[in-house]
Amino acid sequence: MRTTIRLSATVLAIVTAAACSKPKPETAPAPVAAAPNPDSVARARAADSAAAAQAKAAAMAKARQDSIDASKAAIEQAKAAARAEFAYAVYFDFDKSTLTDSAKRVLDRKIQIMNANPTLTIQIQGNTDERGSAEYNLALGQQRAASVKRYLVQHGIADARITIISYGEERPADPGHDETSWSHNRRDEFVITMGDVSPTP
């Protein structure tokens, strides 16, 4: 029995010694980073600078274009507002072609616009309500258009820049058959026949 124990102890000692004597696996040394090439670094920096300069130039170009586009849009918007203002009709009392004070105020603004736009030519279109004969209303529409033209010419607008026409009762602005509708239809309208309207103060 003691012999067996000794034998086992000997075998265990041999196995342990053999295990301890195995060489440890070698670990690979950490890679050593190569020193950067100065030329490569310089080229990379130059490329970064060029890219940054291009981006800045593109941003500035976009900002300029945005500003130009905004200015154009503002000008077009102002022109559209001026055209709409110029198109305002003037209205007349029943069976009258004399200008009311409110009509004169509207015409005074048109005079300012026409003075600021000397190539502008217009047509004044006289209209009436439905009461009266067609012939009578054509004549009344003509008188209304002539009354407005006379006012504009008296205030410095060249006669040649203005033509007139009467539509009488043919083109109602309001199709109703009451005083409110008729008051909308007793009017002169203004149509630009040449040139354009620029914004004015």
N, C-alpha and C. Protein backbone atom coordinates (compact mmCIF):
# COMPACT_ATOMS: atom_id res chain seq x y z
N MET A 1 0.83 -1.19 0.00
CA MET A 1 0.00 0.00 0.00
C MET A 1 0.87 1.24 0.00
N ARG A 2 1.90 1.25 0.84
CA ARG A 2 2.79 2.40 0.88
C ARG A 2 3.50 2.52 -0.44
N THR A 3 3.82 1.42 -1.05
CA THR A 3 4.49 1.45 -2.34
C THR A 3 3.60 2.09 -3.37
N THR A 4 2.32 1.77 -3.29
CA THR A 4 1.35 2.33 -4.25
C THR A 4 1.25 3.83 -4.07
N ILE A 5 1.20 4.27 -2.83
CA ILE A 5 1.09 5.71 -2.55
C ILE A 5 2.33 6.41 -3.05
N ARG A 6 3.51 5.81 -2.80
CA ARG A 6 4.74 6.44 -3.27
C ARG A 6 4.76 6.53 -4.77
N LEU A 7 4.32 5.46 -5.39
CA LEU A 7 4.30 5.42 -6.86
C LEU A 7 3.37 6.52 -7.40
N SER A 8 2.21 6.65 -6.77
CA SER A 8 1.25 7.68 -7.22
C SER A 8 1.83 9.06 -7.03
N ALA A 9 2.50 9.28 -5.92
CA ALA A 9 3.09 10.59 -5.65
C ALA A 9 4.17 10.90 -6.65
N THR A 10 4.94 9.86 -7.03
CA THR A 10 6.01 10.06 -8.00
C THR A 10 5.44 10.44 -9.34
N VAL A 11 4.40 9.70 -9.75
CA VAL A 11 3.76 9.99 -11.05
C VAL A 11 3.21 11.42 -11.05
N LEU A 12 2.56 11.81 -9.97
CA LEU A 12 1.99 13.15 -9.86
C LEU A 12 3.06 14.20 -9.94
N ALA A 13 4.21 13.92 -9.29
CA ALA A 13 5.31 14.89 -9.33
C ALA A 13 5.84 15.01 -10.72
N ILE A 14 5.95 13.89 -11.46
CA ILE A 14 6.48 13.94 -12.84
C ILE A 14 5.53 14.72 -13.75
N VAL A 15 4.23 14.43 -13.59
CA VAL A 15 3.23 15.13 -14.44
C VAL A 15 3.25 16.62 -14.17
N THR A 16 3.35 16.99 -12.91
CA THR A 16 3.36 18.40 -12.53
C THR A 16 4.59 19.07 -13.08
N ALA A 17 5.71 18.39 -12.99
CA ALA A 17 6.96 18.98 -13.50
C ALA A 17 6.90 19.13 -14.99
N ALA A 18 6.28 18.15 -15.64
CA ALA A 18 6.19 18.23 -17.11
C ALA A 18 5.28 19.40 -17.51
N ALA A 19 4.19 19.60 -16.76
CA ALA A 19 3.26 20.70 -17.09
C ALA A 19 3.93 22.03 -16.87
N CYS A 20 4.70 22.11 -15.80
CA CYS A 20 5.36 23.38 -15.51
C CYS A 20 6.47 23.68 -16.47
N SER A 21 7.04 22.62 -17.04
CA SER A 21 8.20 22.86 -17.90
C SER A 21 7.80 23.24 -19.33
N LYS A 22 6.49 23.20 -19.68
CA LYS A 22 6.08 23.59 -21.03
C LYS A 22 6.38 25.06 -21.25
N PRO A 23 6.90 25.39 -22.40
CA PRO A 23 7.20 26.81 -22.64
C PRO A 23 5.91 27.62 -22.78
N LYS A 24 5.92 28.80 -22.23
CA LYS A 24 4.76 29.70 -22.32
C LYS A 24 4.66 30.22 -23.75
N PRO A 25 3.40 30.36 -24.26
CA PRO A 25 3.26 30.87 -25.63
C PRO A 25 3.79 32.28 -25.72
N GLU A 26 4.45 32.52 -26.81
CA GLU A 26 5.01 33.86 -27.01
C GLU A 26 3.92 34.81 -27.46
N THR A 27 3.91 35.98 -26.89
CA THR A 27 2.95 37.01 -27.31
C THR A 27 3.62 37.90 -28.33
N ALA A 28 2.83 38.25 -29.37
CA ALA A 28 3.38 39.10 -30.43
C ALA A 28 3.62 40.49 -29.90
N PRO A 29 4.73 41.05 -30.25
CA PRO A 29 4.99 42.41 -29.77
C PRO A 29 4.01 43.40 -30.39
N ALA A 30 3.66 44.43 -29.64
CA ALA A 30 2.73 45.46 -30.14
C ALA A 30 3.36 46.14 -31.35
N PRO A 31 2.51 46.34 -32.39
CA PRO A 31 3.07 46.98 -33.59
C PRO A 31 3.53 48.39 -33.30
N VAL A 32 4.60 48.71 -33.88
CA VAL A 32 5.15 50.06 -33.70
C VAL A 32 4.64 50.92 -34.85
N ALA A 33 3.95 52.03 -34.51
CA ALA A 33 3.42 52.91 -35.55
C ALA A 33 4.56 53.57 -36.30
N ALA A 34 4.38 53.55 -37.60
CA ALA A 34 5.41 54.19 -38.43
C ALA A 34 5.31 55.70 -38.28
N ALA A 35 6.37 56.34 -38.29
CA ALA A 35 6.38 57.80 -38.20
C ALA A 35 5.71 58.38 -39.44
N PRO A 36 4.79 59.39 -39.28
CA PRO A 36 4.11 59.96 -40.44
C PRO A 36 5.10 60.61 -41.40
N ASN A 37 4.78 60.45 -42.68
CA ASN A 37 5.60 61.06 -43.71
C ASN A 37 5.25 62.56 -43.78
N PRO A 38 6.21 63.43 -43.61
CA PRO A 38 5.91 64.87 -43.63
C PRO A 38 5.23 65.32 -44.91
N ASP A 39 5.59 64.74 -46.05
CA ASP A 39 4.95 65.13 -47.31
C ASP A 39 3.48 64.74 -47.31
N SER A 40 3.17 63.55 -46.79
CA SER A 40 1.78 63.09 -46.74
C SER A 40 0.94 64.00 -45.85
N VAL A 41 1.53 64.37 -44.70
CA VAL A 41 0.82 65.26 -43.77
C VAL A 41 0.53 66.60 -44.44
N ALA A 42 1.53 67.12 -45.13
CA ALA A 42 1.36 68.42 -45.80
C ALA A 42 0.28 68.33 -46.87
N ARG A 43 0.28 67.23 -47.64
CA ARG A 43 -0.73 67.07 -48.68
C ARG A 43 -2.13 66.96 -48.08
N ALA A 44 -2.25 66.23 -46.99
CA ALA A 44 -3.55 66.07 -46.33
C ALA A 44 -4.06 67.41 -45.82
N ARG A 45 -3.15 68.19 -45.23
CA ARG A 45 -3.56 69.51 -44.74
C ARG A 45 -3.97 70.43 -45.88
N ALA A 46 -3.22 70.35 -46.97
CA ALA A 46 -3.56 71.18 -48.13
C ALA A 46 -4.92 70.78 -48.69
N ALA A 47 -5.18 69.47 -48.74
CA ALA A 47 -6.48 69.00 -49.24
C ALA A 47 -7.61 69.46 -48.34
N ASP A 48 -7.38 69.39 -47.01
CA ASP A 48 -8.40 69.86 -46.06
C ASP A 48 -8.66 71.35 -46.25
N SER A 49 -7.58 72.12 -46.41
CA SER A 49 -7.72 73.58 -46.60
C SER A 49 -8.48 73.88 -47.88
N ALA A 50 -8.15 73.15 -48.96
CA ALA A 50 -8.84 73.37 -50.24
C ALA A 50 -10.32 73.04 -50.12
N ALA A 51 -10.62 71.92 -49.43
CA ALA A 51 -12.03 71.52 -49.26
C ALA A 51 -12.78 72.56 -48.43
N ALA A 52 -12.12 73.07 -47.38
CA ALA A 52 -12.76 74.09 -46.54
C ALA A 52 -13.00 75.37 -47.34
N ALA A 53 -12.01 75.75 -48.16
CA ALA A 53 -12.15 76.95 -48.99
C ALA A 53 -13.28 76.79 -50.00
N GLN A 54 -13.38 75.60 -50.60
CA GLN A 54 -14.46 75.34 -51.55
C GLN A 54 -15.82 75.41 -50.87
N ALA A 55 -15.91 74.82 -49.69
CA ALA A 55 -17.17 74.84 -48.95
C ALA A 55 -17.57 76.26 -48.59
N LYS A 56 -16.57 77.06 -48.18
CA LYS A 56 -16.85 78.46 -47.82
C LYS A 56 -17.30 79.24 -49.05
N ALA A 57 -16.61 79.02 -50.18
CA ALA A 57 -16.97 79.73 -51.42
C ALA A 57 -18.37 79.33 -51.87
N ALA A 58 -18.71 78.04 -51.74
CA ALA A 58 -20.04 77.57 -52.14
C ALA A 58 -21.11 78.18 -51.24
N ALA A 59 -20.82 78.26 -49.94
CA ALA A 59 -21.78 78.86 -49.01
C ALA A 59 -22.00 80.34 -49.31
N MET A 60 -20.89 81.04 -49.64
CA MET A 60 -21.00 82.46 -49.96
C MET A 60 -21.78 82.66 -51.27
N ALA A 61 -21.52 81.80 -52.26
CA ALA A 61 -22.24 81.90 -53.54
C ALA A 61 -23.72 81.65 -53.33
N LYS A 62 -24.05 80.66 -52.50
CA LYS A 62 -25.46 80.37 -52.22
C LYS A 62 -26.12 81.53 -51.51
N ALA A 63 -25.41 82.13 -50.55
CA ALA A 63 -25.97 83.27 -49.82
C ALA A 63 -26.23 84.44 -50.77
N ARG A 64 -25.26 84.67 -51.71
CA ARG A 64 -25.45 85.74 -52.69
C ARG A 64 -26.66 85.46 -53.57
N GLN A 65 -26.77 84.20 -54.06
CA GLN A 65 -27.88 83.86 -54.93
C GLN A 65 -29.21 83.96 -54.19
N ASP A 66 -29.22 83.52 -52.93
CA ASP A 66 -30.45 83.63 -52.12
C ASP A 66 -30.85 85.09 -51.97
N SER A 67 -29.85 85.95 -51.77
CA SER A 67 -30.14 87.38 -51.62
C SER A 67 -30.68 87.97 -52.93
N ILE A 68 -30.08 87.56 -54.06
CA ILE A 68 -30.56 88.03 -55.36
C ILE A 68 -31.99 87.55 -55.60
N ASP A 69 -32.24 86.27 -55.32
CA ASP A 69 -33.58 85.71 -55.52
C ASP A 69 -34.61 86.41 -54.64
N ALA A 70 -34.21 86.70 -53.39
CA ALA A 70 -35.13 87.38 -52.48
C ALA A 70 -35.44 88.79 -52.97
N SER A 71 -34.40 89.48 -53.50
CA SER A 71 -34.60 90.83 -54.03
C SER A 71 -35.53 90.80 -55.23
N LYS A 72 -35.30 89.83 -56.14
CA LYS A 72 -36.17 89.71 -57.31
C LYS A 72 -37.61 89.44 -56.90
N ALA A 73 -37.77 88.54 -55.93
CA ALA A 73 -39.13 88.21 -55.47
C ALA A 73 -39.80 89.42 -54.85
N ALA A 74 -39.03 90.21 -54.08
CA ALA A 74 -39.60 91.41 -53.46
C ALA A 74 -40.00 92.43 -54.52
N ILE A 75 -39.17 92.58 -55.56
CA ILE A 75 -39.48 93.52 -56.64
C ILE A 75 -40.75 93.08 -57.37
N GLU A 76 -40.83 91.78 -57.68
CA GLU A 76 -42.02 91.27 -58.38
C GLU A 76 -43.27 91.43 -57.53
N GLN A 77 -43.11 91.20 -56.23
CA GLN A 77 -44.25 91.37 -55.33
C GLN A 77 -44.69 92.82 -55.29
N ALA A 78 -43.71 93.74 -55.25
CA ALA A 78 -44.04 95.17 -55.23
C ALA A 78 -44.69 95.58 -56.55
N LYS A 79 -44.19 95.04 -57.68
CA LYS A 79 -44.80 95.34 -58.98
C LYS A 79 -46.24 94.84 -59.04
N ALA A 80 -46.46 93.63 -58.54
CA ALA A 80 -47.81 93.07 -58.55
C ALA A 80 -48.75 93.93 -57.71
N ALA A 81 -48.25 94.42 -56.58
CA ALA A 81 -49.06 95.29 -55.73
C ALA A 81 -49.37 96.60 -56.44
N ALA A 82 -48.36 97.14 -57.15
CA ALA A 82 -48.57 98.40 -57.89
C ALA A 82 -49.57 98.20 -59.02
N ARG A 83 -49.46 97.06 -59.74
CA ARG A 83 -50.42 96.77 -60.81
C ARG A 83 -51.84 96.66 -60.25
N ALA A 84 -51.95 95.96 -59.11
CA ALA A 84 -53.27 95.80 -58.50
C ALA A 84 -53.83 97.16 -58.06
N GLU A 85 -52.96 98.00 -57.51
CA GLU A 85 -53.41 99.33 -57.09
C GLU A 85 -53.85 100.16 -58.29
N PHE A 86 -53.05 100.05 -59.38
CA PHE A 86 -53.39 100.83 -60.57
C PHE A 86 -54.73 100.38 -61.17
N ALA A 87 -55.07 99.12 -60.98
CA ALA A 87 -56.30 98.58 -61.57
C ALA A 87 -57.56 98.98 -60.80
N TYR A 88 -57.41 99.64 -59.64
CA TYR A 88 -58.60 100.03 -58.87
C TYR A 88 -59.56 100.82 -59.76
N ALA A 89 -60.83 100.45 -59.71
CA ALA A 89 -61.85 101.16 -60.48
C ALA A 89 -62.26 102.45 -59.76
N VAL A 90 -62.83 103.36 -60.53
CA VAL A 90 -63.50 104.53 -59.93
C VAL A 90 -65.00 104.37 -60.17
N TYR A 91 -65.79 104.86 -59.22
CA TYR A 91 -67.23 104.62 -59.25
C TYR A 91 -67.99 105.94 -59.38
N PHE A 92 -69.20 105.83 -59.91
CA PHE A 92 -70.02 107.00 -60.20
C PHE A 92 -71.39 106.88 -59.55
N ASP A 93 -71.99 108.02 -59.33
CA ASP A 93 -73.37 108.05 -58.85
C ASP A 93 -74.31 107.69 -60.00
N PHE A 94 -75.51 107.35 -59.65
CA PHE A 94 -76.50 106.95 -60.65
C PHE A 94 -76.71 108.04 -61.70
N ASP A 95 -76.59 107.63 -62.96
CA ASP A 95 -76.86 108.49 -64.11
C ASP A 95 -75.92 109.70 -64.16
N LYS A 96 -74.73 109.57 -63.56
CA LYS A 96 -73.78 110.68 -63.53
C LYS A 96 -72.46 110.25 -64.16
N SER A 97 -71.75 111.27 -64.68
CA SER A 97 -70.38 111.03 -65.17
C SER A 97 -69.39 111.97 -64.48
N THR A 98 -69.88 112.73 -63.51
CA THR A 98 -68.98 113.62 -62.76
C THR A 98 -68.19 112.81 -61.73
N LEU A 99 -66.98 113.26 -61.46
CA LEU A 99 -66.11 112.54 -60.54
C LEU A 99 -66.42 112.91 -59.10
N THR A 100 -66.53 111.88 -58.26
CA THR A 100 -66.69 112.11 -56.83
C THR A 100 -65.33 112.40 -56.20
N ASP A 101 -65.34 112.87 -54.97
CA ASP A 101 -64.07 113.13 -54.28
C ASP A 101 -63.25 111.84 -54.12
N SER A 102 -63.93 110.74 -53.82
CA SER A 102 -63.20 109.47 -53.66
C SER A 102 -62.62 109.03 -55.00
N ALA A 103 -63.33 109.27 -56.09
CA ALA A 103 -62.80 108.92 -57.42
C ALA A 103 -61.55 109.75 -57.72
N LYS A 104 -61.58 111.00 -57.36
CA LYS A 104 -60.41 111.87 -57.61
C LYS A 104 -59.20 111.40 -56.81
N ARG A 105 -59.41 110.92 -55.59
CA ARG A 105 -58.29 110.41 -54.79
C ARG A 105 -57.67 109.18 -55.45
N VAL A 106 -58.52 108.31 -55.97
CA VAL A 106 -58.00 107.13 -56.68
C VAL A 106 -57.23 107.57 -57.92
N LEU A 107 -57.76 108.55 -58.66
CA LEU A 107 -57.09 109.02 -59.87
C LEU A 107 -55.77 109.73 -59.56
N ASP A 108 -55.72 110.45 -58.44
CA ASP A 108 -54.46 111.12 -58.07
C ASP A 108 -53.34 110.10 -57.87
N ARG A 109 -53.68 108.96 -57.30
CA ARG A 109 -52.67 107.91 -57.13
C ARG A 109 -52.27 107.34 -58.49
N LYS A 110 -53.21 107.19 -59.39
CA LYS A 110 -52.89 106.70 -60.74
C LYS A 110 -51.97 107.69 -61.46
N ILE A 111 -52.18 108.96 -61.24
CA ILE A 111 -51.31 109.97 -61.85
C ILE A 111 -49.88 109.80 -61.35
N GLN A 112 -49.71 109.57 -60.05
CA GLN A 112 -48.36 109.33 -59.51
C GLN A 112 -47.72 108.13 -60.18
N ILE A 113 -48.49 107.06 -60.33
CA ILE A 113 -47.94 105.84 -60.93
C ILE A 113 -47.59 106.08 -62.39
N MET A 114 -48.44 106.79 -63.12
CA MET A 114 -48.16 107.05 -64.54
C MET A 114 -46.96 107.98 -64.71
N ASN A 115 -46.81 108.95 -63.82
CA ASN A 115 -45.64 109.83 -63.88
C ASN A 115 -44.35 109.06 -63.61
N ALA A 116 -44.43 108.07 -62.74
CA ALA A 116 -43.25 107.26 -62.42
C ALA A 116 -42.95 106.22 -63.49
N ASN A 117 -43.90 105.98 -64.38
CA ASN A 117 -43.75 104.98 -65.44
C ASN A 117 -44.14 105.62 -66.78
N PRO A 118 -43.25 106.43 -67.35
CA PRO A 118 -43.61 107.24 -68.52
C PRO A 118 -43.89 106.45 -69.79
N THR A 119 -43.55 105.18 -69.84
CA THR A 119 -43.87 104.38 -71.04
C THR A 119 -45.22 103.68 -70.91
N LEU A 120 -45.86 103.84 -69.79
CA LEU A 120 -47.14 103.18 -69.54
C LEU A 120 -48.25 103.83 -70.35
N THR A 121 -49.03 103.02 -71.08
CA THR A 121 -50.24 103.52 -71.74
C THR A 121 -51.42 102.69 -71.24
N ILE A 122 -52.60 103.32 -71.24
CA ILE A 122 -53.75 102.66 -70.63
C ILE A 122 -55.00 102.82 -71.47
N GLN A 123 -55.96 101.97 -71.18
CA GLN A 123 -57.31 102.11 -71.73
C GLN A 123 -58.27 102.26 -70.56
N ILE A 124 -59.14 103.25 -70.64
CA ILE A 124 -60.18 103.46 -69.64
C ILE A 124 -61.47 102.89 -70.20
N GLN A 125 -62.10 102.01 -69.44
CA GLN A 125 -63.30 101.31 -69.89
C GLN A 125 -64.50 101.77 -69.06
N GLY A 126 -65.42 102.48 -69.72
CA GLY A 126 -66.60 102.98 -69.03
C GLY A 126 -67.70 101.94 -68.95
N ASN A 127 -68.36 101.85 -67.79
CA ASN A 127 -69.42 100.87 -67.56
C ASN A 127 -70.59 101.51 -66.81
N THR A 128 -71.76 100.91 -66.97
CA THR A 128 -72.96 101.41 -66.31
C THR A 128 -73.70 100.25 -65.66
N ASP A 129 -74.75 100.58 -64.91
CA ASP A 129 -75.63 99.50 -64.44
C ASP A 129 -76.64 99.19 -65.54
N GLU A 130 -77.57 98.30 -65.26
CA GLU A 130 -78.47 97.79 -66.29
C GLU A 130 -79.66 98.69 -66.59
N ARG A 131 -79.88 99.70 -65.78
CA ARG A 131 -81.06 100.55 -65.99
C ARG A 131 -80.84 101.49 -67.17
N GLY A 132 -81.86 101.69 -67.95
CA GLY A 132 -81.77 102.51 -69.14
C GLY A 132 -81.56 101.64 -70.37
N SER A 133 -81.70 102.25 -71.53
CA SER A 133 -81.53 101.49 -72.77
C SER A 133 -80.06 101.20 -73.02
N ALA A 134 -79.80 100.22 -73.87
CA ALA A 134 -78.42 99.87 -74.20
C ALA A 134 -77.70 101.05 -74.83
N GLU A 135 -78.40 101.77 -75.73
CA GLU A 135 -77.77 102.92 -76.40
C GLU A 135 -77.44 104.02 -75.39
N TYR A 136 -78.39 104.28 -74.48
CA TYR A 136 -78.16 105.32 -73.48
C TYR A 136 -76.96 104.95 -72.60
N ASN A 137 -76.89 103.69 -72.21
CA ASN A 137 -75.81 103.26 -71.32
C ASN A 137 -74.45 103.25 -72.02
N LEU A 138 -74.42 102.95 -73.31
CA LEU A 138 -73.16 103.06 -74.05
C LEU A 138 -72.67 104.50 -74.06
N ALA A 139 -73.58 105.44 -74.27
CA ALA A 139 -73.21 106.86 -74.27
C ALA A 139 -72.75 107.30 -72.88
N LEU A 140 -73.46 106.83 -71.84
CA LEU A 140 -73.09 107.20 -70.47
C LEU A 140 -71.73 106.62 -70.10
N GLY A 141 -71.46 105.38 -70.50
CA GLY A 141 -70.15 104.78 -70.25
C GLY A 141 -69.04 105.56 -70.94
N GLN A 142 -69.32 106.04 -72.14
CA GLN A 142 -68.32 106.84 -72.87
C GLN A 142 -68.07 108.16 -72.14
N GLN A 143 -69.12 108.79 -71.65
CA GLN A 143 -68.97 110.04 -70.91
C GLN A 143 -68.13 109.83 -69.64
N ARG A 144 -68.36 108.73 -68.98
CA ARG A 144 -67.60 108.44 -67.74
C ARG A 144 -66.13 108.23 -68.05
N ALA A 145 -65.83 107.47 -69.11
CA ALA A 145 -64.44 107.25 -69.49
C ALA A 145 -63.79 108.57 -69.90
N ALA A 146 -64.53 109.40 -70.66
CA ALA A 146 -64.00 110.69 -71.10
C ALA A 146 -63.75 111.62 -69.91
N SER A 147 -64.62 111.55 -68.90
CA SER A 147 -64.46 112.38 -67.71
C SER A 147 -63.17 112.04 -66.97
N VAL A 148 -62.87 110.75 -66.87
CA VAL A 148 -61.64 110.32 -66.20
C VAL A 148 -60.42 110.72 -67.03
N LYS A 149 -60.48 110.50 -68.34
CA LYS A 149 -59.35 110.88 -69.19
C LYS A 149 -59.07 112.38 -69.08
N ARG A 150 -60.13 113.16 -69.09
CA ARG A 150 -59.95 114.61 -68.99
C ARG A 150 -59.23 114.99 -67.70
N TYR A 151 -59.60 114.34 -66.60
CA TYR A 151 -58.96 114.63 -65.31
C TYR A 151 -57.47 114.28 -65.37
N LEU A 152 -57.14 113.11 -65.93
CA LEU A 152 -55.74 112.71 -66.01
C LEU A 152 -54.93 113.67 -66.89
N VAL A 153 -55.49 114.05 -68.02
CA VAL A 153 -54.78 114.96 -68.93
C VAL A 153 -54.59 116.32 -68.28
N GLN A 154 -55.61 116.79 -67.58
CA GLN A 154 -55.51 118.08 -66.89
C GLN A 154 -54.43 118.07 -65.81
N HIS A 155 -54.08 116.88 -65.37
CA HIS A 155 -53.05 116.75 -64.32
C HIS A 155 -51.72 116.23 -64.87
N GLY A 156 -51.51 116.45 -66.17
CA GLY A 156 -50.18 116.26 -66.73
C GLY A 156 -49.91 114.97 -67.48
N ILE A 157 -50.90 114.10 -67.60
CA ILE A 157 -50.68 112.86 -68.35
C ILE A 157 -50.98 113.12 -69.82
N ALA A 158 -50.06 112.71 -70.69
CA ALA A 158 -50.22 112.98 -72.13
C ALA A 158 -51.47 112.28 -72.68
N ASP A 159 -52.20 113.03 -73.49
CA ASP A 159 -53.42 112.51 -74.10
C ASP A 159 -53.18 111.21 -74.87
N ALA A 160 -52.02 111.14 -75.55
CA ALA A 160 -51.72 109.98 -76.39
C ALA A 160 -51.53 108.69 -75.57
N ARG A 161 -51.35 108.81 -74.28
CA ARG A 161 -51.14 107.63 -73.44
C ARG A 161 -52.46 106.99 -72.99
N ILE A 162 -53.57 107.61 -73.36
CA ILE A 162 -54.86 107.15 -72.83
C ILE A 162 -55.85 106.95 -73.97
N THR A 163 -56.45 105.78 -74.04
CA THR A 163 -57.58 105.55 -74.94
C THR A 163 -58.79 105.22 -74.07
N ILE A 164 -59.98 105.43 -74.65
CA ILE A 164 -61.20 105.15 -73.89
C ILE A 164 -62.14 104.29 -74.72
N ILE A 165 -62.98 103.55 -74.01
CA ILE A 165 -64.00 102.72 -74.65
C ILE A 165 -65.16 102.59 -73.67
N SER A 166 -66.36 102.41 -74.22
CA SER A 166 -67.53 102.19 -73.37
C SER A 166 -68.08 100.80 -73.61
N TYR A 167 -68.40 100.11 -72.53
CA TYR A 167 -69.09 98.82 -72.61
C TYR A 167 -70.53 98.94 -72.12
N GLY A 168 -70.92 100.14 -71.70
CA GLY A 168 -72.29 100.32 -71.23
C GLY A 168 -72.62 99.33 -70.13
N GLU A 169 -73.74 98.65 -70.31
CA GLU A 169 -74.20 97.68 -69.30
C GLU A 169 -73.75 96.25 -69.62
N GLU A 170 -72.91 96.09 -70.65
CA GLU A 170 -72.57 94.75 -71.14
C GLU A 170 -71.69 93.93 -70.20
N ARG A 171 -70.92 94.59 -69.35
CA ARG A 171 -69.96 93.86 -68.50
C ARG A 171 -70.17 94.18 -67.02
N PRO A 172 -71.23 93.70 -66.45
CA PRO A 172 -71.46 93.99 -65.02
C PRO A 172 -70.40 93.33 -64.13
N ALA A 173 -69.92 94.06 -63.16
CA ALA A 173 -69.00 93.48 -62.17
C ALA A 173 -69.77 92.64 -61.16
N ASP A 174 -71.04 93.00 -60.97
CA ASP A 174 -71.91 92.30 -60.02
C ASP A 174 -73.20 91.95 -60.75
N PRO A 175 -73.56 90.67 -60.82
CA PRO A 175 -74.74 90.28 -61.61
C PRO A 175 -76.09 90.52 -60.92
N GLY A 176 -76.06 91.07 -59.72
CA GLY A 176 -77.31 91.27 -58.99
C GLY A 176 -78.18 92.36 -59.61
N HIS A 177 -79.39 92.52 -59.05
CA HIS A 177 -80.36 93.48 -59.59
C HIS A 177 -80.90 94.37 -58.47
N ASP A 178 -79.98 94.86 -57.64
CA ASP A 178 -80.37 95.78 -56.57
C ASP A 178 -79.36 96.92 -56.53
N GLU A 179 -79.61 97.86 -55.63
CA GLU A 179 -78.76 99.07 -55.60
C GLU A 179 -77.31 98.75 -55.30
N THR A 180 -77.06 97.77 -54.43
CA THR A 180 -75.67 97.40 -54.11
C THR A 180 -74.96 96.92 -55.37
N SER A 181 -75.61 96.04 -56.11
CA SER A 181 -75.01 95.54 -57.35
C SER A 181 -74.83 96.66 -58.36
N TRP A 182 -75.83 97.50 -58.51
CA TRP A 182 -75.75 98.59 -59.49
C TRP A 182 -74.60 99.55 -59.15
N SER A 183 -74.40 99.78 -57.84
CA SER A 183 -73.33 100.71 -57.45
C SER A 183 -71.94 100.14 -57.81
N HIS A 184 -71.82 98.81 -57.83
CA HIS A 184 -70.56 98.18 -58.24
C HIS A 184 -70.35 98.26 -59.75
N ASN A 185 -71.45 98.36 -60.47
CA ASN A 185 -71.36 98.33 -61.93
C ASN A 185 -71.17 99.72 -62.55
N ARG A 186 -71.48 100.77 -61.83
CA ARG A 186 -71.29 102.14 -62.33
C ARG A 186 -69.83 102.54 -62.11
N ARG A 187 -68.98 102.18 -63.09
CA ARG A 187 -67.55 102.30 -62.81
C ARG A 187 -66.76 102.53 -64.10
N ASP A 188 -65.54 103.00 -63.91
CA ASP A 188 -64.52 102.98 -64.96
C ASP A 188 -63.42 102.03 -64.51
N GLU A 189 -62.99 101.17 -65.43
CA GLU A 189 -61.87 100.26 -65.15
C GLU A 189 -60.66 100.68 -65.97
N PHE A 190 -59.48 100.23 -65.54
CA PHE A 190 -58.22 100.67 -66.14
C PHE A 190 -57.41 99.45 -66.57
N VAL A 191 -57.03 99.42 -67.83
CA VAL A 191 -56.28 98.30 -68.38
C VAL A 191 -54.98 98.85 -68.96
N ILE A 192 -53.86 98.22 -68.60
CA ILE A 192 -52.56 98.61 -69.15
C ILE A 192 -52.44 98.03 -70.56
N THR A 193 -52.20 98.91 -71.52
CA THR A 193 -52.07 98.45 -72.91
C THR A 193 -50.61 98.38 -73.37
N MET A 194 -49.73 99.06 -72.67
CA MET A 194 -48.30 98.99 -73.01
C MET A 194 -47.49 99.38 -71.79
N GLY A 195 -46.32 98.73 -71.64
CA GLY A 195 -45.45 99.03 -70.52
C GLY A 195 -45.83 98.22 -69.28
N ASP A 196 -45.20 98.57 -68.18
CA ASP A 196 -45.46 97.88 -66.92
C ASP A 196 -45.40 98.90 -65.80
N VAL A 197 -45.90 98.50 -64.66
CA VAL A 197 -45.95 99.38 -63.50
C VAL A 197 -44.82 99.00 -62.55
N SER A 198 -43.96 99.97 -62.24
CA SER A 198 -42.93 99.78 -61.23
C SER A 198 -43.43 100.35 -59.91
N PRO A 199 -42.94 99.82 -58.81
CA PRO A 199 -43.37 100.35 -57.50
C PRO A 199 -43.02 101.82 -57.38
N THR A 200 -43.89 102.56 -56.77
CA THR A 200 -43.65 103.98 -56.53
C THR A 200 -43.83 104.28 -55.06
N PRO A 201 -43.23 105.36 -54.56
CA PRO A 201 -43.36 105.68 -53.13
C PRO A 201 -44.81 105.96 -52.75
